[in-house]
Protein backbone atom coordinates (compact mmCIF):
# COMPACT_ATOMS: atom_id res chain seq x y z
CA MET A 1 -47.09 68.28 53.74
CA GLN A 2 -43.68 67.00 53.06
CA LYS A 3 -43.55 63.73 51.19
CA LYS A 4 -41.72 60.83 52.78
CA LYS A 5 -38.56 59.93 51.13
CA ASN A 6 -38.46 56.56 49.53
CA HIS A 7 -35.67 54.80 51.39
CA ARG A 8 -35.90 51.59 49.37
CA ILE A 9 -32.65 50.69 47.70
CA LYS A 10 -33.02 50.50 43.99
CA ARG A 11 -32.15 47.01 42.79
CA LYS A 12 -29.52 46.75 40.16
CA ARG A 13 -30.85 44.97 37.11
CA LYS A 14 -29.28 41.57 36.74
CA GLU A 15 -27.25 41.41 33.55
CA LYS A 16 -27.69 38.50 31.19
CA PRO A 17 -24.57 36.29 31.20
CA SER A 18 -22.50 36.31 28.06
CA ALA A 19 -22.10 33.28 25.79
CA ARG A 20 -18.54 32.89 27.02
CA GLU A 21 -19.68 32.76 30.62
CA LEU A 22 -22.37 30.26 29.80
CA HIS A 23 -19.84 27.98 28.13
CA ARG A 24 -17.11 28.45 30.72
CA PRO A 25 -16.13 25.20 32.44
CA ARG A 26 -17.70 24.98 35.83
CA SER A 27 -16.37 22.41 38.25
CA SER A 28 -19.60 22.65 40.25
CA ASP A 29 -21.54 21.12 37.34
CA ALA A 30 -19.14 18.19 37.08
CA ASN A 31 -19.14 17.72 40.85
CA ALA A 32 -22.92 17.75 40.93
CA ILE A 33 -23.13 15.14 38.16
CA PHE A 34 -20.51 13.05 39.95
CA ALA A 35 -22.50 13.16 43.19
CA GLN A 36 -25.70 12.21 41.40
CA LEU A 37 -24.02 9.33 39.54
CA LEU A 38 -22.36 8.04 42.69
CA ALA A 39 -25.61 8.13 44.60
CA SER A 40 -27.47 6.35 41.81
CA LEU A 41 -24.81 3.66 41.47
CA CYS A 42 -24.85 3.02 45.19
CA SER A 43 -28.63 2.73 45.42
CA THR A 44 -30.25 -0.69 45.18
CA PRO A 45 -31.62 -1.04 42.62
CA ASN A 46 -30.01 1.92 40.89
CA SER A 47 -32.00 4.11 38.53
CA VAL A 48 -30.98 3.28 34.98
CA ILE A 49 -33.00 6.11 33.50
CA PHE A 50 -31.53 8.68 35.89
CA ILE A 51 -27.96 7.44 35.28
CA ASN A 52 -28.44 7.71 31.52
CA LYS A 53 -29.74 11.28 31.96
CA CYS A 54 -26.68 12.16 34.02
CA LEU A 55 -24.31 10.65 31.45
CA PHE A 56 -26.09 12.45 28.62
CA LYS A 57 -25.80 15.72 30.55
CA LEU A 58 -22.11 15.09 31.24
CA ARG A 59 -21.35 14.37 27.58
CA ARG A 60 -23.19 17.51 26.53
CA SER A 61 -21.29 19.51 29.13
CA LEU A 62 -18.01 18.12 27.82
CA LEU A 63 -18.77 19.11 24.24
CA ILE A 64 -20.19 22.58 25.02
CA SER A 65 -18.17 23.87 27.97
CA GLN A 66 -15.26 21.40 28.19
CA THR A 67 -16.15 20.41 31.74
CA SER A 68 -13.37 18.62 33.61
CA LEU A 69 -13.67 14.84 33.68
CA THR A 70 -11.44 14.35 36.73
CA SER A 71 -14.17 13.73 39.30
CA THR A 72 -16.14 11.36 37.04
CA LEU A 73 -13.12 9.40 35.83
CA ALA A 74 -13.16 7.15 38.87
CA LEU A 75 -16.67 5.99 37.98
CA LEU A 76 -15.97 5.10 34.34
CA PRO A 77 -14.67 1.53 34.96
CA THR A 78 -17.86 0.76 36.91
CA LEU A 79 -20.05 2.30 34.21
CA LEU A 80 -18.25 0.33 31.48
CA ARG A 81 -18.94 -2.90 33.37
CA SER A 82 -22.68 -2.23 33.60
CA THR A 83 -25.08 -4.83 32.30
CA GLN A 84 -27.23 -2.07 30.81
CA VAL A 85 -26.43 -1.43 27.14
CA GLU A 86 -27.41 2.24 27.24
CA ILE A 87 -25.20 2.98 30.24
CA VAL A 88 -22.21 1.22 28.66
CA CYS A 89 -22.68 3.06 25.36
CA HIS A 90 -23.03 6.43 27.09
CA ALA A 91 -19.85 5.77 29.09
CA ALA A 92 -17.92 4.88 25.94
CA ASP A 93 -19.28 7.98 24.19
CA ILE A 94 -18.04 10.15 27.08
CA ILE A 95 -14.52 8.71 26.71
CA GLY A 96 -14.55 9.48 22.99
CA ALA A 97 -15.95 12.99 23.44
CA ALA A 98 -13.50 13.89 26.22
CA SER A 99 -10.56 12.53 24.22
CA LEU A 100 -11.35 14.78 21.27
CA VAL A 101 -12.26 17.91 23.22
CA SER A 102 -9.19 18.14 25.42
CA PHE A 103 -5.62 16.88 25.16
CA ASP A 104 -5.39 16.92 28.95
CA ALA A 105 -8.56 14.82 29.26
CA ASN A 106 -7.15 12.37 26.72
CA GLU A 107 -3.97 11.94 28.74
CA GLU A 108 -5.98 11.74 31.96
CA ILE A 109 -8.00 8.83 30.56
CA ALA A 110 -4.85 7.17 29.22
CA SER A 111 -3.27 7.32 32.67
CA ASP A 112 -6.19 5.33 34.15
CA SER A 113 -5.45 1.73 33.18
CA GLU A 114 -8.75 0.44 34.55
CA THR A 115 -10.72 2.76 32.27
CA VAL A 116 -8.65 1.79 29.22
CA LYS A 117 -9.00 -1.92 29.99
CA GLY A 118 -12.72 -1.47 30.58
CA LEU A 119 -13.13 0.21 27.20
CA ILE A 120 -11.17 -2.50 25.39
CA SER A 121 -13.15 -5.23 27.17
CA LEU A 122 -16.29 -3.98 25.43
CA LEU A 123 -14.88 -5.44 22.20
CA HIS A 124 -15.90 -8.85 23.56
CA SER A 125 -19.58 -7.85 23.59
CA ARG A 126 -22.10 -9.56 21.35
CA LYS A 127 -24.22 -6.40 21.13
CA ARG A 128 -23.61 -4.51 17.89
CA LYS A 129 -24.57 -1.24 19.57
CA VAL A 130 -21.92 -1.74 22.27
CA LEU A 131 -19.30 -2.75 19.70
CA LEU A 132 -20.03 0.36 17.65
CA SER A 133 -19.77 2.72 20.65
CA ALA A 134 -16.60 1.03 21.91
CA CYS A 135 -14.87 1.12 18.54
CA ASN A 136 -15.82 4.76 17.95
CA ALA A 137 -14.48 5.64 21.41
CA ILE A 138 -11.20 3.81 20.73
CA LEU A 139 -10.87 5.63 17.41
CA ASP A 140 -11.38 9.02 19.12
CA PHE A 141 -9.16 8.07 22.04
CA SER A 142 -6.27 6.96 19.77
CA THR A 143 -5.50 10.52 18.61
CA THR A 144 -2.52 10.91 20.99
CA THR A 145 0.72 8.97 21.33
CA CYS A 146 0.07 8.31 25.02
CA ALA A 147 -3.35 6.81 24.25
CA ARG A 148 -1.99 4.62 21.45
CA ARG A 149 0.72 3.35 23.78
CA GLN A 150 -1.92 2.27 26.31
CA LEU A 151 -4.07 0.67 23.62
CA SER A 152 -1.05 -1.28 22.43
CA LYS A 153 -0.19 -2.32 26.00
CA PHE A 154 -3.60 -3.95 26.42
CA SER A 155 -3.71 -5.52 22.91
CA ALA A 156 -6.54 -3.38 21.57
CA LEU A 157 -5.31 -3.78 17.99
CA ASN A 158 -5.39 -7.57 18.18
CA LYS A 159 -8.99 -7.47 19.45
CA LEU A 160 -10.06 -4.99 16.76
CA MET A 161 -8.59 -7.20 14.02
CA PHE A 162 -10.19 -10.32 15.46
CA VAL A 163 -13.66 -8.74 15.72
CA PHE A 164 -13.44 -7.32 12.20
CA LEU A 165 -12.62 -10.76 10.80
CA GLN A 166 -15.67 -12.15 12.64
CA ILE A 167 -18.22 -9.53 11.53
CA PHE A 168 -17.07 -8.66 8.00
CA ASP A 169 -18.58 -10.76 5.22
CA GLY A 170 -19.50 -8.18 2.60
CA LEU A 171 -16.57 -7.85 0.21
CA GLU A 172 -19.00 -7.21 -2.62
CA CYS A 173 -20.32 -4.18 -0.65
CA VAL A 174 -16.94 -2.42 -0.54
CA CYS A 175 -16.63 0.55 -2.86
CA LEU A 176 -15.05 3.97 -3.29
CA TRP A 177 -16.47 7.40 -2.67
CA SER A 178 -15.10 10.87 -3.22
CA GLU A 179 -15.67 14.25 -1.64
CA GLY A 180 -15.18 15.85 -5.03
CA GLY A 181 -12.67 16.29 -7.80
CA GLY A 182 -12.60 12.64 -8.78
CA SER A 183 -8.80 12.41 -8.49
CA PHE A 184 -7.11 9.35 -7.04
CA PHE A 185 -6.13 11.22 -3.88
CA SER A 186 -9.76 12.09 -3.08
CA LEU A 187 -10.97 8.47 -3.21
CA LYS A 188 -11.93 6.87 0.11
CA ILE A 189 -13.27 3.51 1.22
CA GLY A 190 -16.96 2.93 1.81
CA ILE A 191 -19.10 -0.10 2.68
CA LYS A 192 -22.75 -0.31 1.75
CA GLU A 193 -25.10 -0.55 4.73
CA ASP A 194 -22.51 -1.91 7.18
CA LYS A 195 -21.44 0.86 9.54
CA LEU A 196 -20.04 -1.53 12.17
CA SER A 197 -17.57 -3.22 9.80
CA LEU A 198 -16.53 0.16 8.42
CA VAL A 199 -15.81 1.62 11.88
CA PHE A 200 -13.76 -1.44 12.87
CA LEU A 201 -11.85 -1.31 9.59
CA THR A 202 -11.16 2.40 10.08
CA ALA A 203 -9.95 2.01 13.67
CA THR A 204 -7.74 -0.95 12.80
CA VAL A 205 -6.12 0.72 9.78
CA VAL A 206 -5.50 3.93 11.75
CA LEU A 207 -3.81 2.05 14.60
CA ILE A 208 -1.71 -0.15 12.32
CA ASN A 209 -0.46 2.87 10.38
CA ALA A 210 0.52 4.55 13.66
CA CYS A 211 2.40 1.50 14.98
CA GLU A 212 6.12 1.20 15.41
CA ALA A 213 7.83 -1.83 13.87
CA GLU A 214 8.16 -3.52 17.29
CA GLN A 215 4.43 -3.17 17.94
CA LEU A 216 3.59 -4.77 14.59
CA GLN A 217 5.83 -7.69 15.44
CA GLY A 218 3.69 -8.29 18.54
CA ILE A 219 0.63 -9.15 16.43
CA PRO A 220 0.11 -12.93 16.21
CA GLN A 221 1.26 -14.13 12.80
CA SER A 222 -1.96 -15.97 11.96
CA LEU A 223 -4.09 -12.94 12.88
CA SER A 224 -1.88 -10.55 10.92
CA GLU A 225 -1.92 -12.72 7.81
CA ALA A 226 -5.68 -13.27 7.95
CA PHE A 227 -6.33 -9.53 8.22
CA LEU A 228 -3.74 -8.83 5.52
CA GLY A 229 -5.55 -11.25 3.20
CA ILE A 230 -8.83 -9.34 3.64
CA LEU A 231 -7.10 -6.00 3.04
CA LYS A 232 -5.65 -7.32 -0.22
CA GLN A 233 -9.07 -8.48 -1.34
CA ILE A 234 -10.48 -5.04 -0.54
CA ARG A 235 -7.63 -3.44 -2.49
CA VAL A 236 -8.37 -5.60 -5.53
CA ARG A 237 -12.05 -4.84 -5.20
CA VAL A 238 -11.66 -1.05 -5.14
CA SER A 239 -9.12 -1.11 -7.99
CA ASP A 240 -11.88 -2.25 -10.33
CA GLN A 241 -13.22 0.76 -12.21
CA GLU A 242 -16.74 -0.60 -12.09
CA VAL A 243 -16.67 -0.23 -8.31
CA ILE A 244 -16.15 3.53 -8.66
CA LYS A 245 -19.28 3.79 -10.82
CA GLY A 246 -21.20 1.75 -8.27
CA ALA A 247 -19.99 4.04 -5.47
CA GLY A 248 -21.35 7.06 -7.30
CA LYS A 249 -24.75 5.42 -7.45
CA CYS A 250 -24.61 4.53 -3.76
CA ASN A 251 -23.83 8.14 -2.89
CA GLU A 252 -26.96 9.27 -4.70
CA GLU A 253 -29.11 6.69 -2.99
CA GLY A 254 -27.64 7.47 0.43
CA HIS A 255 -26.94 3.85 1.42
CA LEU A 256 -23.14 4.09 1.56
CA CYS A 257 -21.36 4.20 4.92
CA LYS A 258 -18.34 6.42 4.33
CA SER A 259 -14.96 6.24 6.02
CA SER A 260 -12.02 8.63 6.07
CA ILE A 261 -9.63 5.88 4.87
CA THR A 262 -8.00 6.84 1.60
CA VAL A 263 -6.69 4.34 -0.91
CA SER A 264 -3.17 5.36 0.19
CA ASN A 265 -4.05 4.65 3.84
CA LEU A 266 -5.20 1.17 2.82
CA ALA A 267 -2.01 0.58 0.79
CA GLU A 268 0.16 1.76 3.70
CA CYS A 269 -1.57 -0.69 6.02
CA ILE A 270 -0.97 -3.55 3.56
CA PHE A 271 2.68 -2.44 3.25
CA ARG A 272 3.22 -2.42 7.02
CA LEU A 273 1.66 -5.83 7.61
CA SER A 274 3.52 -7.29 4.63
CA ILE A 275 6.88 -6.45 6.21
CA ASN A 276 6.38 -9.22 8.75
CA ALA A 277 4.23 -11.57 6.67
CA SER A 278 5.84 -14.99 6.45
CA GLN A 279 4.38 -15.79 3.04
CA LEU A 280 6.21 -12.83 1.51
CA THR A 281 9.66 -13.94 2.63
CA GLY A 282 10.08 -16.57 -0.07
CA PHE A 283 13.67 -17.30 -0.98
CA LEU A 284 14.93 -19.74 -3.57
CA SER A 285 18.06 -21.69 -2.79
CA PHE A 286 21.29 -20.87 -4.62
CA GLU A 287 21.19 -24.35 -6.15
CA VAL A 288 17.79 -23.78 -7.77
CA VAL A 289 18.78 -20.44 -9.31
CA GLN A 290 22.23 -21.65 -10.40
CA ARG A 291 20.74 -24.73 -12.04
CA GLY A 292 18.03 -22.64 -13.67
CA LEU A 293 20.48 -20.14 -15.13
CA PHE A 294 23.71 -22.03 -15.68
CA GLY A 295 22.88 -25.73 -15.69
CA ALA A 296 23.26 -28.64 -13.29
CA SER A 297 27.06 -28.72 -13.22
CA ASP A 298 28.75 -27.04 -10.26
CA THR A 299 31.48 -25.80 -12.57
CA SER A 300 29.07 -23.91 -14.86
CA PHE A 301 28.58 -20.97 -12.50
CA LYS A 302 32.28 -20.78 -11.69
CA ASP A 303 33.10 -20.86 -15.40
CA PHE A 304 30.63 -18.02 -16.04
CA ILE A 305 32.16 -15.85 -13.30
CA SER A 306 35.70 -16.53 -14.49
CA ASN A 307 35.18 -16.03 -18.23
CA TYR A 308 32.06 -13.94 -18.91
CA TRP A 309 31.03 -11.82 -15.91
CA GLU A 310 31.48 -8.17 -16.98
CA VAL A 311 33.67 -9.38 -19.86
CA SER A 312 31.50 -10.73 -22.64
CA PRO A 313 27.87 -11.51 -23.55
CA PHE A 314 26.94 -15.15 -23.13
CA LEU A 315 23.97 -17.22 -24.38
CA LEU A 316 22.64 -19.72 -21.88
CA ALA A 317 20.56 -21.86 -24.21
CA LYS A 318 17.77 -23.96 -22.77
CA THR A 319 19.17 -27.10 -24.39
CA MET A 320 22.47 -26.58 -22.55
CA ARG A 321 20.88 -26.38 -19.13
CA ASP A 322 18.65 -28.41 -16.85
CA PRO A 323 15.48 -29.49 -18.75
CA ASP A 324 13.47 -28.37 -15.71
CA MET A 325 14.88 -24.83 -15.87
CA HIS A 326 11.55 -23.30 -16.74
CA ASP A 327 10.27 -24.35 -13.33
CA MET A 328 12.18 -21.37 -11.94
CA PHE A 329 9.72 -19.12 -13.77
CA GLY A 330 6.87 -21.63 -13.60
CA ALA A 331 4.89 -19.81 -10.90
CA PHE A 332 5.21 -16.53 -12.80
CA VAL A 333 4.12 -18.11 -16.10
CA GLN A 334 1.16 -19.75 -14.40
CA SER A 335 0.06 -16.41 -12.91
CA LEU A 336 -0.16 -14.92 -16.42
CA SER A 337 -2.89 -17.40 -17.41
CA TRP A 338 -1.51 -17.63 -20.94
CA LYS A 339 -4.11 -19.15 -23.28
CA GLY A 340 -2.63 -18.25 -26.65
CA SER A 341 -4.21 -14.78 -26.86
CA VAL A 342 -1.88 -11.78 -26.65
CA PRO A 343 -4.71 -9.30 -25.79
CA SER A 344 -5.71 -11.53 -22.87
CA LEU A 345 -2.06 -11.81 -21.84
CA LEU A 346 -1.67 -8.01 -21.89
CA SER A 347 -4.84 -7.58 -19.86
CA SER A 348 -3.61 -10.14 -17.32
CA ILE A 349 -0.32 -8.26 -16.93
CA LEU A 350 -1.72 -4.74 -16.59
CA GLN A 351 -4.86 -5.44 -14.57
CA GLY A 352 -4.88 -3.84 -11.11
CA LEU A 353 -1.36 -2.42 -11.28
CA VAL A 354 -0.23 0.26 -8.83
CA ALA A 355 2.81 2.53 -8.88
CA CYS A 356 6.09 1.15 -7.52
CA PHE A 357 8.21 4.02 -6.27
CA PRO A 358 11.98 3.49 -6.43
CA ILE A 359 13.79 2.50 -3.24
CA ALA A 360 17.48 3.34 -2.88
CA SER A 361 19.51 0.14 -2.94
CA ASP A 362 21.46 1.28 0.12
CA GLU A 363 18.36 2.04 2.21
CA GLN A 364 18.69 0.20 5.53
CA ASN A 365 15.28 1.00 7.04
CA ILE A 366 12.23 0.29 4.91
CA LEU A 367 10.10 2.51 7.16
CA ASN A 368 12.14 5.54 6.02
CA PHE A 369 10.95 4.86 2.49
CA LEU A 370 7.41 4.40 3.79
CA ASP A 371 7.42 7.81 5.49
CA GLU A 372 8.40 9.44 2.19
CA ALA A 373 6.01 7.53 -0.09
CA LYS A 374 2.99 6.71 2.10
CA ASP A 375 0.80 9.50 0.70
CA LYS A 376 1.28 8.09 -2.81
CA LEU A 377 1.06 4.37 -2.10
CA GLY A 378 -1.59 2.52 -4.02
CA CYS A 379 -1.87 5.15 -6.74
CA PRO A 380 -2.14 4.11 -10.41
CA ILE A 381 1.01 3.35 -12.38
CA VAL A 382 3.02 6.36 -13.54
CA TYR A 383 4.26 6.75 -17.10
CA GLN A 384 8.06 6.53 -17.45
CA GLN A 385 8.40 5.46 -13.82
CA ASP A 386 6.38 2.22 -14.09
CA ILE A 387 5.46 1.79 -17.72
CA ARG A 388 6.58 2.87 -21.18
CA VAL A 389 4.92 2.18 -24.51
CA VAL A 390 7.55 2.69 -27.20
CA LYS A 391 8.81 1.61 -30.58
CA THR A 392 11.89 2.32 -32.68
CA GLU A 393 12.01 2.17 -36.44
CA ARG A 394 14.74 -0.01 -37.90
CA GLN A 395 18.05 1.80 -38.30
CA SER A 396 16.74 4.65 -36.15
CA THR A 397 18.19 5.86 -32.87
CA LYS A 398 15.04 7.64 -31.70
CA GLU A 399 12.28 6.04 -29.67
CA MET A 400 8.66 6.97 -30.33
CA HIS A 401 6.16 7.01 -27.47
CA TYR A 402 2.56 6.06 -28.08
CA PHE A 403 1.43 8.40 -25.29
CA ARG A 404 3.24 11.45 -26.61
CA ASP A 405 1.59 13.89 -24.20
CA PHE A 406 2.86 11.85 -21.26
CA ASN A 407 6.43 11.96 -22.55
CA SER A 408 6.54 15.69 -23.20
CA SER A 409 9.45 17.58 -21.65
CA CYS A 410 6.93 20.21 -20.51
CA VAL A 411 5.19 17.73 -18.21
CA LYS A 412 6.54 18.04 -14.67
CA GLU A 413 3.86 16.28 -12.62
CA PRO A 414 3.54 12.45 -12.52
CA GLN A 415 1.34 11.17 -15.33
CA TYR A 416 -0.95 8.51 -13.89
CA PHE A 417 -2.33 5.76 -16.08
CA THR A 418 -6.10 5.54 -15.89
CA PHE A 419 -8.26 2.62 -16.92
CA HIS A 420 -8.61 4.23 -20.36
CA GLU A 421 -4.84 4.41 -20.96
CA ILE A 422 -4.49 0.75 -19.99
CA LEU A 423 -7.13 -0.16 -22.56
CA LYS A 424 -5.23 1.85 -25.17
CA CYS A 425 -2.13 -0.29 -24.60
CA GLY A 426 -3.81 -3.05 -26.62
CA GLN A 427 -4.26 -0.68 -29.55
CA ALA A 428 -0.65 0.48 -29.18
CA TYR A 429 0.54 -3.13 -29.30
CA ASN A 430 -1.41 -3.66 -32.54
CA GLU A 431 0.40 -0.63 -33.98
CA GLY A 432 3.83 -2.09 -33.29
CA TYR A 433 4.59 -0.62 -29.85
CA THR A 434 6.36 -2.51 -27.09
CA VAL A 435 4.81 -2.40 -23.61
CA ALA A 436 7.62 -2.17 -21.03
CA LEU A 437 6.72 -2.65 -17.37
CA ARG A 438 9.11 -1.94 -14.52
CA GLY A 439 9.27 -3.33 -10.97
CA LEU A 440 8.18 -6.94 -11.35
CA GLU A 441 10.19 -7.81 -8.22
CA PHE A 442 7.55 -5.82 -6.30
CA ARG A 443 4.55 -7.15 -8.23
CA TYR A 444 5.11 -10.93 -8.29
CA GLN A 445 6.19 -12.96 -5.29
CA SER A 446 7.84 -15.58 -7.50
CA ILE A 447 9.97 -12.94 -9.26
CA SER A 448 10.83 -11.37 -5.91
CA ALA A 449 12.20 -14.70 -4.68
CA ILE A 450 14.38 -15.08 -7.79
CA ALA A 451 15.62 -11.49 -7.53
CA ASP A 452 16.53 -11.80 -3.84
CA THR A 453 18.46 -15.01 -4.40
CA LEU A 454 20.26 -13.62 -7.44
CA ALA A 455 21.31 -10.50 -5.50
CA SER A 456 22.76 -12.66 -2.73
CA MET A 457 24.43 -14.96 -5.23
CA PHE A 458 26.31 -12.06 -6.83
CA GLY A 459 26.86 -10.20 -3.56
CA GLN A 460 24.93 -7.10 -4.63
CA PRO A 461 22.23 -5.16 -2.74
CA SER A 462 19.38 -5.57 -5.20
CA VAL A 463 18.14 -7.02 -8.47
CA GLY A 464 15.42 -5.36 -10.53
CA ALA A 465 13.05 -7.12 -12.91
CA ASN A 466 11.34 -5.60 -15.96
CA LEU A 467 8.96 -7.08 -18.52
CA TYR A 468 8.79 -6.38 -22.26
CA LEU A 469 5.93 -7.44 -24.56
CA THR A 470 6.79 -6.81 -28.22
CA PRO A 471 4.51 -7.47 -31.23
CA PRO A 472 5.79 -9.21 -34.40
CA ASN A 473 8.18 -7.35 -36.70
CA SER A 474 8.91 -4.63 -34.17
CA GLN A 475 11.68 -3.06 -32.13
CA GLY A 476 10.97 -1.50 -28.76
CA LEU A 477 13.92 0.36 -27.27
CA ALA A 478 16.59 2.04 -29.35
CA CYS A 479 20.17 0.80 -29.22
CA HIS A 480 21.53 1.66 -25.76
CA PHE A 481 23.76 0.39 -22.97
CA ASP A 482 22.95 -0.05 -19.28
CA ASP A 483 24.84 0.73 -16.10
CA HIS A 484 23.90 -2.68 -14.71
CA CYS A 485 24.41 -6.26 -15.82
CA VAL A 486 21.36 -7.93 -17.36
CA PHE A 487 20.06 -11.48 -17.73
CA VAL A 488 17.46 -11.52 -20.54
CA CYS A 489 15.00 -14.39 -19.93
CA GLN A 490 12.80 -15.36 -22.87
CA ILE A 491 9.39 -16.40 -21.51
CA PHE A 492 7.23 -16.63 -24.65
CA GLY A 493 7.98 -16.30 -28.36
CA SER A 494 11.38 -15.36 -29.73
CA LYS A 495 13.54 -12.28 -30.25
CA GLN A 496 16.72 -11.41 -32.13
CA TRP A 497 19.43 -9.54 -30.26
CA THR A 498 22.44 -7.60 -31.44
CA VAL A 499 25.11 -6.89 -28.82
CA TYR A 500 27.96 -4.49 -29.67
CA SER A 501 31.41 -4.09 -28.21
CA PRO A 502 31.55 -1.45 -25.45
CA PRO A 503 32.50 2.07 -26.61
CA SER A 504 34.78 2.48 -23.61
CA GLN A 505 37.05 0.21 -21.64
CA LEU A 506 35.67 1.77 -18.46
CA LEU A 507 32.41 0.07 -17.59
CA PRO A 508 29.73 2.44 -16.31
CA ARG A 509 29.08 2.29 -12.61
CA LEU A 510 25.76 2.67 -10.90
CA TYR A 511 24.66 6.28 -10.46
CA ASP A 512 27.23 7.54 -13.00
CA ASN A 513 25.87 10.07 -15.48
CA LEU A 514 27.01 8.07 -18.50
CA LEU A 515 23.64 7.18 -19.96
CA GLY A 516 21.62 9.27 -22.35
CA SER A 517 24.27 9.79 -25.01
CA VAL A 518 23.57 8.51 -28.51
CA VAL A 519 25.22 5.15 -29.08
CA ASP A 520 26.96 4.76 -32.43
CA CYS A 521 26.57 1.08 -33.27
CA THR A 522 27.86 1.25 -36.83
CA LYS A 523 31.56 1.16 -35.97
CA ALA A 524 31.56 -1.31 -33.11
CA GLY A 525 32.00 -5.06 -33.39
CA ARG A 526 28.83 -6.99 -32.86
CA ARG A 527 27.40 -10.41 -32.10
CA GLU A 528 23.95 -11.78 -33.04
CA PHE A 529 21.77 -13.96 -30.81
CA ILE A 530 18.33 -15.50 -31.30
CA LEU A 531 16.47 -16.13 -28.06
CA ARG A 532 13.71 -18.72 -28.03
CA GLU A 533 11.44 -19.74 -25.20
CA GLY A 534 13.55 -20.79 -22.21
CA ASP A 535 16.80 -19.20 -23.43
CA ILE A 536 18.74 -16.66 -21.33
CA LEU A 537 21.20 -14.06 -22.60
CA TYR A 538 23.72 -12.35 -20.33
CA ILE A 539 24.68 -8.78 -21.34
CA PRO A 540 27.40 -7.03 -19.27
CA ARG A 541 26.93 -3.42 -18.29
CA GLY A 542 28.30 -0.94 -20.83
CA PHE A 543 27.66 -3.21 -23.85
CA PRO A 544 25.29 -1.50 -26.35
CA HIS A 545 22.42 -3.71 -27.52
CA LYS A 546 19.09 -3.73 -29.33
CA ALA A 547 16.43 -6.35 -30.00
CA TYR A 548 13.60 -6.91 -32.45
CA THR A 549 11.04 -9.51 -33.46
CA GLU A 550 10.27 -10.97 -36.88
CA SER A 551 6.84 -11.39 -38.43
CA ALA A 552 7.34 -15.15 -38.80
CA VAL A 553 9.76 -17.63 -37.28
CA GLY A 554 10.87 -20.76 -39.13
CA ASP A 555 10.74 -23.04 -36.11
CA GLY A 556 7.04 -22.38 -35.54
CA SER A 557 7.50 -19.98 -32.61
CA PRO A 558 5.00 -17.09 -32.49
CA GLY A 559 6.24 -13.83 -33.93
CA PHE A 560 5.69 -11.84 -30.74
CA SER A 561 7.98 -11.85 -27.72
CA LEU A 562 7.60 -11.68 -23.95
CA HIS A 563 10.83 -11.50 -22.02
CA LEU A 564 12.03 -10.48 -18.56
CA THR A 565 15.25 -8.70 -17.70
CA LEU A 566 16.91 -9.38 -14.35
CA SER A 567 19.14 -6.38 -13.71
CA ILE A 568 22.00 -6.77 -11.24
CA GLU A 569 22.82 -3.32 -9.93
CA VAL A 570 26.55 -3.51 -9.34
CA GLU A 571 27.56 -1.17 -6.54
CA PRO A 572 30.71 0.94 -6.95
CA PRO A 573 33.53 0.14 -4.52
CA PHE A 574 33.99 2.33 -1.45
CA GLU A 575 36.28 5.25 -2.15
């Protein structure tokens, strides 16, 4: 008997979808979640648990398959206004996740003003959990220019700064951590057991460093200065080497909340806020500086310009000027906390120093300099650029450096001063070396005010200020001449100066390559000056000079010397 044919159609085995297909964005998923959310929000009372499940599913879908947020975007303002903490936090988390996953989603959120305003409004919450979610979302959202523009439009930065000032009270908990290597550039800010303050600090620093100058000017002055004050305290705190040791211990114990803010990021933020800070715009009147340098008579300055400026050295003795002259440097002297101990004085000067990178005197936009130097801001002082530790034997023309390895011609990279090198400066001083520190106009507000006024008084773009601490019976720099005019201001102790006639009738101009040649002082005419505390010596550019201290001074002055030089960088005329 013939068998019946099996007419059943053989089913094709269903193939397992690939990973790519599983993760492919599906608008049906987003639409389904939207419908479920809308239905739940419209129900009375709505299901909090179900809404949270939907939001969790949506966030997961965003991260895994980059589901479109378009349909759900309209619901975000309502979700952000919910009275339920979990719903609000989930909504904020979705904004953050979508902003990071897709550039298009980020711009889509930024284009919805109600969503942006709703997110920023969460910064008024008293719930730490809500504040944390909102701040994290703002930080993730701020990764595009469009988003930052919207955040600025609705004053998000002001609110972040205000909240941080309210919640932060743990300066002693601030420390440094490193991902490895231990170099300065790997150091980042951490706060022990205070994640909320750390997230607000991170978001605020990131936004400030991304601001244009006009946006920074929109921050209320009192708020900017209060936040700037905290940042400076944090900077001082992390500059202490003991903090680094403490951070290492915290890393081991696992109690340190770590940020991505580097020390340079922190310094850049301080720099940007300081541009507009009113307390940093100090300016002494012409009368105060003229009286301090040249005496009370109106004719003294005119006489100096007519007879000595770029013509001849001139001693402005303290006894010839206003008895209150030292008040011009009074704030600076007070900041040194001088108590009769040179080691303490040296420690006071060098403590917490950072590198000051040179700024071209003709630079019109300070933000151009910031763009070039921001990755190095806040780094330790650099040998030769910021500090030198030198001495010159009598009758010698060659300077000897205490840190010989740092001064080697083979060294091409910047040589940063660590805490150990700073400690060694005290030993170098005891061995007869002079400690020379550059850039005091950037380090002391009182010196900055004097320098700014002096530059305006002489009609020049800038005035630099250096400090020299020389032990008894020593000479620091070898005989040399400068391409700028110098006022030598004796702060403590005394020093003997020899100024020689210029080797050429043509005075060196700024940026000329005339320096570096050996100066022969044996054939030139010379004049001798003794500077005591409060005296000022003017040395024109191009005049060779050298200075040294004695082991004992007959008038009872200490044998060491601390003096400042105010260098007027005379610009060449336009060709």
